[in-house]
């Protein structure tokens, strides 16, 4: 069973599919939390943290494939 995480990734500035599928619901939840954290860091104009979180999101996605 695949769990899909979707988000408005056009704003994230990372090379990931907008519809990401995960086997475990926990991985999809972490994806959503990371996307939200990236947006909050951007809203706070903390580009260093936003970039770090983008890299973590990308790493999380590719490690769970």
N, C-alpha and C. Protein backbone atom coordinates (compact mmCIF):
# COMPACT_ATOMS: atom_id res chain seq x y z
N UNK A 1 0.84 -1.18 0.00
CA UNK A 1 0.00 0.00 0.00
C UNK A 1 0.88 1.24 0.00
N UNK A 2 0.62 2.13 -0.89
CA UNK A 2 1.42 3.35 -1.00
C UNK A 2 0.63 4.52 -0.43
N UNK A 3 1.29 5.32 0.35
CA UNK A 3 0.71 6.53 0.92
C UNK A 3 1.27 7.70 0.12
N UNK A 4 0.39 8.59 -0.32
CA UNK A 4 0.82 9.71 -1.15
C UNK A 4 0.83 11.00 -0.33
N UNK A 5 1.90 11.73 -0.45
CA UNK A 5 1.99 13.06 0.16
C UNK A 5 1.99 14.08 -0.96
N UNK A 6 1.10 15.03 -0.89
CA UNK A 6 1.06 16.07 -1.91
C UNK A 6 1.21 17.42 -1.23
N UNK A 7 1.81 18.32 -1.95
CA UNK A 7 2.00 19.67 -1.42
C UNK A 7 2.26 20.60 -2.57
N UNK A 8 2.17 21.87 -2.31
CA UNK A 8 2.47 22.88 -3.32
C UNK A 8 3.99 23.03 -3.39
N UNK A 9 4.62 22.16 -4.17
CA UNK A 9 6.07 22.12 -4.22
C UNK A 9 6.67 23.12 -5.21
N UNK A 10 5.86 23.83 -5.93
CA UNK A 10 6.41 24.81 -6.86
C UNK A 10 7.15 25.91 -6.11
N UNK A 11 6.80 26.12 -4.87
CA UNK A 11 7.45 27.15 -4.05
C UNK A 11 8.68 26.63 -3.32
N UNK A 12 8.87 25.31 -3.30
CA UNK A 12 9.93 24.74 -2.49
C UNK A 12 11.31 24.83 -3.12
N UNK A 13 11.40 25.06 -4.40
CA UNK A 13 12.68 25.21 -5.09
C UNK A 13 13.56 23.97 -4.97
N UNK A 14 12.95 22.78 -5.05
CA UNK A 14 13.70 21.53 -5.03
C UNK A 14 13.18 20.62 -6.12
N UNK A 15 14.03 19.72 -6.54
CA UNK A 15 13.69 18.81 -7.62
C UNK A 15 13.07 17.54 -7.06
N UNK A 16 11.76 17.60 -6.79
CA UNK A 16 11.01 16.45 -6.30
C UNK A 16 9.67 16.40 -7.02
N UNK A 17 9.13 15.20 -7.20
CA UNK A 17 7.78 15.12 -7.77
C UNK A 17 6.77 15.74 -6.80
N UNK A 18 5.74 16.36 -7.33
CA UNK A 18 4.74 16.98 -6.45
C UNK A 18 3.87 15.93 -5.77
N UNK A 19 3.68 14.77 -6.40
CA UNK A 19 2.95 13.66 -5.78
C UNK A 19 3.96 12.60 -5.39
N UNK A 20 4.32 12.61 -4.11
CA UNK A 20 5.31 11.65 -3.63
C UNK A 20 4.59 10.51 -2.92
N UNK A 21 5.01 9.29 -3.19
CA UNK A 21 4.39 8.12 -2.57
C UNK A 21 5.34 7.50 -1.56
N UNK A 22 4.77 7.10 -0.43
CA UNK A 22 5.53 6.46 0.64
C UNK A 22 4.82 5.16 1.03
N UNK A 23 5.57 4.17 1.42
CA UNK A 23 5.00 2.91 1.87
C UNK A 23 4.39 3.04 3.26
N UNK A 24 5.04 3.82 4.11
CA UNK A 24 4.57 3.94 5.50
C UNK A 24 3.90 5.30 5.73
N UNK A 25 2.79 5.30 6.46
CA UNK A 25 2.12 6.57 6.74
C UNK A 25 3.01 7.55 7.51
N UNK A 26 3.91 7.03 8.34
CA UNK A 26 4.80 7.91 9.10
C UNK A 26 5.71 8.72 8.18
N UNK A 27 6.13 8.10 7.09
CA UNK A 27 6.99 8.81 6.14
C UNK A 27 6.23 9.92 5.43
N UNK A 28 4.96 9.66 5.11
CA UNK A 28 4.14 10.69 4.48
C UNK A 28 3.89 11.84 5.45
N UNK A 29 3.68 11.52 6.72
CA UNK A 29 3.47 12.56 7.73
C UNK A 29 4.72 13.42 7.89
N UNK A 30 5.89 12.78 7.90
CA UNK A 30 7.14 13.54 8.01
C UNK A 30 7.32 14.44 6.79
N UNK A 31 6.97 13.95 5.62
CA UNK A 31 7.04 14.75 4.40
C UNK A 31 6.21 16.03 4.57
N UNK A 32 4.98 15.86 5.01
CA UNK A 32 4.11 17.02 5.21
C UNK A 32 4.65 18.00 6.24
N UNK A 33 5.21 17.46 7.31
CA UNK A 33 5.78 18.32 8.35
C UNK A 33 6.99 19.09 7.83
N UNK A 34 7.81 18.43 7.02
CA UNK A 34 8.98 19.10 6.45
C UNK A 34 8.56 20.20 5.48
N UNK A 35 7.55 19.93 4.66
CA UNK A 35 7.06 20.94 3.73
C UNK A 35 6.55 22.15 4.51
N UNK A 36 5.79 21.90 5.56
CA UNK A 36 5.28 23.00 6.39
C UNK A 36 6.43 23.77 7.03
N UNK A 37 7.43 23.07 7.51
CA UNK A 37 8.59 23.73 8.13
C UNK A 37 9.34 24.59 7.13
N UNK A 38 9.47 24.12 5.90
CA UNK A 38 10.13 24.92 4.86
C UNK A 38 9.36 26.22 4.64
N UNK A 39 8.04 26.11 4.53
CA UNK A 39 7.23 27.31 4.30
C UNK A 39 7.33 28.28 5.48
N UNK A 40 7.35 27.77 6.69
CA UNK A 40 7.47 28.64 7.86
C UNK A 40 8.84 29.33 7.91
N UNK A 41 9.88 28.60 7.55
CA UNK A 41 11.22 29.20 7.52
C UNK A 41 11.28 30.30 6.46
N UNK A 42 10.65 30.05 5.31
CA UNK A 42 10.61 31.07 4.26
C UNK A 42 9.82 32.29 4.72
N UNK A 43 8.69 32.05 5.39
CA UNK A 43 7.89 33.17 5.90
C UNK A 43 8.68 34.01 6.91
N UNK A 44 9.55 33.34 7.66
CA UNK A 44 10.39 34.04 8.64
C UNK A 44 11.64 34.63 8.00
N UNK A 45 11.76 34.47 6.68
CA UNK A 45 12.91 34.95 5.92
C UNK A 45 14.23 34.38 6.43
N UNK A 46 14.17 33.12 6.85
CA UNK A 46 15.37 32.40 7.29
C UNK A 46 15.76 31.43 6.17
N UNK A 47 16.46 31.95 5.18
CA UNK A 47 16.80 31.15 3.99
C UNK A 47 17.75 30.01 4.33
N UNK A 48 18.64 30.20 5.30
CA UNK A 48 19.55 29.12 5.69
C UNK A 48 18.76 27.92 6.19
N UNK A 49 17.82 28.15 7.10
CA UNK A 49 17.01 27.06 7.63
C UNK A 49 16.12 26.46 6.55
N UNK A 50 15.54 27.29 5.71
CA UNK A 50 14.69 26.79 4.63
C UNK A 50 15.47 25.87 3.70
N UNK A 51 16.69 26.25 3.35
CA UNK A 51 17.52 25.42 2.47
C UNK A 51 17.88 24.11 3.16
N UNK A 52 18.21 24.17 4.43
CA UNK A 52 18.53 22.96 5.19
C UNK A 52 17.33 22.01 5.22
N UNK A 53 16.15 22.54 5.44
CA UNK A 53 14.94 21.71 5.46
C UNK A 53 14.61 21.15 4.08
N UNK A 54 14.85 21.92 3.03
CA UNK A 54 14.64 21.41 1.67
C UNK A 54 15.53 20.21 1.41
N UNK A 55 16.78 20.31 1.83
CA UNK A 55 17.71 19.20 1.64
C UNK A 55 17.27 17.98 2.45
N UNK A 56 16.78 18.20 3.65
CA UNK A 56 16.29 17.10 4.48
C UNK A 56 15.07 16.43 3.83
N UNK A 57 14.18 17.22 3.28
CA UNK A 57 13.00 16.68 2.59
C UNK A 57 13.42 15.83 1.40
N UNK A 58 14.33 16.35 0.61
CA UNK A 58 14.82 15.61 -0.56
C UNK A 58 15.49 14.31 -0.13
N UNK A 59 16.31 14.38 0.89
CA UNK A 59 16.99 13.19 1.41
C UNK A 59 15.98 12.18 1.93
N UNK A 60 14.99 12.64 2.67
CA UNK A 60 13.96 11.75 3.21
C UNK A 60 13.23 11.03 2.07
N UNK A 61 12.86 11.77 1.04
CA UNK A 61 12.13 11.17 -0.07
C UNK A 61 12.96 10.09 -0.76
N UNK A 62 14.18 10.40 -1.10
CA UNK A 62 14.99 9.43 -1.85
C UNK A 62 15.46 8.26 -0.99
N UNK A 63 15.59 8.44 0.32
CA UNK A 63 15.99 7.33 1.19
C UNK A 63 14.85 6.34 1.41
N UNK A 64 13.61 6.77 1.25
CA UNK A 64 12.47 5.88 1.48
C UNK A 64 11.97 5.23 0.21
N UNK A 65 12.61 5.43 -0.89
CA UNK A 65 12.20 4.82 -2.16
C UNK A 65 12.75 3.43 -2.28
